[in-house]
């Protein structure tokens, strides 16, 4: 029996913590603490999730089918059996892509209005005229 088709756009907009968690899981499965560290590193230290925020979001993401638990684990000497590892589901990847597209459209609209100089998107100087 196949899974019913769900509209990723119906999940939008995502909260920043949820989006960061999906980004952290986009390239590998991770346990909770590793997700927190990946979010911090991926945001240049600008986003630091509390454990309460992280695990509340994980619960909602599991219930919504955006992430799942995986049995794939590192070797025993690198693992702690108490850890739960999470992985981005196919639907979660679709939702993350839809949110990324939505934000890209917002950035394009802001650029058209002169609110975002092109150089700030490429890592150049921030600021405006």
Protein backbone atom coordinates (compact mmCIF):
# COMPACT_ATOMS: atom_id res chain seq x y z
CA UNK A 1 0.00 0.00 0.00
CA UNK A 2 1.47 3.34 -1.01
CA UNK A 3 1.60 6.41 1.18
CA UNK A 4 -0.96 9.12 0.29
CA UNK A 5 0.44 12.11 -1.54
CA UNK A 6 0.95 15.05 0.79
CA UNK A 7 1.52 18.65 -0.19
CA UNK A 8 4.85 19.94 1.18
CA UNK A 9 3.62 23.52 0.76
CA UNK A 10 0.87 22.87 3.31
CA UNK A 11 3.63 22.65 5.98
CA UNK A 12 4.94 26.16 5.27
CA UNK A 13 6.20 28.43 6.62
CA UNK A 14 8.52 26.52 8.89
CA UNK A 15 9.78 27.97 12.13
CA UNK A 16 13.52 28.75 12.11
CA UNK A 17 14.36 25.93 14.56
CA UNK A 18 12.47 23.37 12.46
CA UNK A 19 14.14 24.55 9.25
CA UNK A 20 17.58 24.35 10.87
CA UNK A 21 16.87 20.83 12.13
CA UNK A 22 15.84 19.71 8.63
CA UNK A 23 19.01 21.29 7.24
CA UNK A 24 21.10 19.48 9.85
CA UNK A 25 19.61 16.16 8.74
CA UNK A 26 19.82 16.84 4.99
CA UNK A 27 23.20 15.13 4.55
CA UNK A 28 23.38 12.55 7.35
CA UNK A 29 21.50 10.95 10.23
CA UNK A 30 22.26 12.47 13.62
CA UNK A 31 21.35 12.13 17.28
CA UNK A 32 19.94 15.08 19.23
CA UNK A 33 23.19 16.55 20.53
CA UNK A 34 24.79 16.22 17.08
CA UNK A 35 21.81 18.07 15.57
CA UNK A 36 22.31 20.89 18.09
CA UNK A 37 26.01 21.14 17.22
CA UNK A 38 25.33 21.01 13.45
CA UNK A 39 22.74 23.80 13.72
CA UNK A 40 25.20 25.92 15.70
CA UNK A 41 28.03 25.27 13.24
CA UNK A 42 25.84 25.67 10.15
CA UNK A 43 24.56 29.03 11.37
CA UNK A 44 27.99 30.34 12.29
CA UNK A 45 26.97 30.29 15.95
CA UNK A 46 23.95 32.54 15.38
CA UNK A 47 21.43 29.79 16.18
CA UNK A 48 21.77 27.70 19.32
CA UNK A 49 18.87 25.38 20.07
CA UNK A 50 17.99 24.58 23.65
CA UNK A 51 17.29 20.94 24.43
CA UNK A 52 13.63 21.80 25.11
CA UNK A 53 13.22 23.48 21.72
CA UNK A 54 15.08 20.67 19.95
CA UNK A 55 13.13 17.78 21.42
CA UNK A 56 9.73 19.50 21.12
CA UNK A 57 10.49 20.12 17.43
CA UNK A 58 11.75 16.55 16.95
CA UNK A 59 8.51 15.22 18.43
CA UNK A 60 6.42 17.31 16.01
CA UNK A 61 8.65 16.39 13.05
CA UNK A 62 8.34 12.67 13.87
CA UNK A 63 4.56 12.96 14.20
CA UNK A 64 4.38 14.85 10.89
CA UNK A 65 6.52 12.34 9.05
CA UNK A 66 9.25 14.86 8.16
CA UNK A 67 11.89 12.90 10.04
CA UNK A 68 12.13 9.33 11.25
CA UNK A 69 14.23 7.29 13.61
CA UNK A 70 16.86 5.06 12.07
CA UNK A 71 18.48 1.89 13.31
CA UNK A 72 21.71 2.68 11.42
CA UNK A 73 24.30 3.40 14.08
CA UNK A 74 28.02 4.02 14.25
CA UNK A 75 30.35 1.36 15.56
CA UNK A 76 29.85 0.35 19.21
CA UNK A 77 32.95 2.23 20.43
CA UNK A 78 31.65 5.47 18.86
CA UNK A 79 28.06 5.03 19.99
CA UNK A 80 25.93 5.30 23.10
CA UNK A 81 23.00 2.88 23.00
CA UNK A 82 20.75 5.47 24.69
CA UNK A 83 20.97 7.77 21.67
CA UNK A 84 18.25 7.92 19.09
CA UNK A 85 19.32 8.73 15.56
CA UNK A 86 17.10 10.76 13.25
CA UNK A 87 16.96 10.89 9.49
CA UNK A 88 15.22 13.19 7.03
CA UNK A 89 12.35 11.42 5.27
CA UNK A 90 11.50 11.86 1.61
CA UNK A 91 8.57 14.07 2.61
CA UNK A 92 10.82 16.04 4.97
CA UNK A 93 13.25 16.68 2.11
CA UNK A 94 10.35 17.90 -0.07
CA UNK A 95 9.21 20.25 2.70
CA UNK A 96 12.76 21.59 3.22
CA UNK A 97 13.07 22.23 -0.52
CA UNK A 98 9.70 23.98 -0.61
CA UNK A 99 10.71 26.21 2.32
CA UNK A 100 14.05 26.99 0.69
CA UNK A 101 12.25 27.96 -2.51
CA UNK A 102 9.80 30.14 -0.54
CA UNK A 103 12.66 31.96 1.18
CA UNK A 104 14.55 32.40 -2.11
CA UNK A 105 11.47 34.08 -3.58
CA UNK A 106 11.34 36.42 -0.57
CA UNK A 107 15.01 37.31 -1.02
CA UNK A 108 14.43 37.99 -4.73
CA UNK A 109 11.52 40.29 -3.89
CA UNK A 110 13.63 42.10 -1.28
CA UNK A 111 16.47 42.51 -3.81
CA UNK A 112 14.03 43.95 -6.35
CA UNK A 113 13.04 46.55 -3.74
CA UNK A 114 16.67 47.39 -2.99
CA UNK A 115 16.57 45.89 0.50
CA UNK A 116 19.26 43.26 -0.06
CA UNK A 117 22.39 44.22 -1.93
CA UNK A 118 23.61 41.41 -4.21
CA UNK A 119 27.02 41.40 -2.49
CA UNK A 120 25.51 40.29 0.84
CA UNK A 121 24.25 37.04 -0.69
CA UNK A 122 27.65 36.09 -2.03
CA UNK A 123 29.45 36.54 1.25
CA UNK A 124 30.65 40.04 0.48
CA UNK A 125 30.17 43.24 2.45
CA UNK A 126 26.87 43.68 4.25
CA UNK A 127 24.99 46.88 4.19
CA UNK A 128 23.37 49.05 1.60
CA UNK A 129 23.57 52.32 -0.20
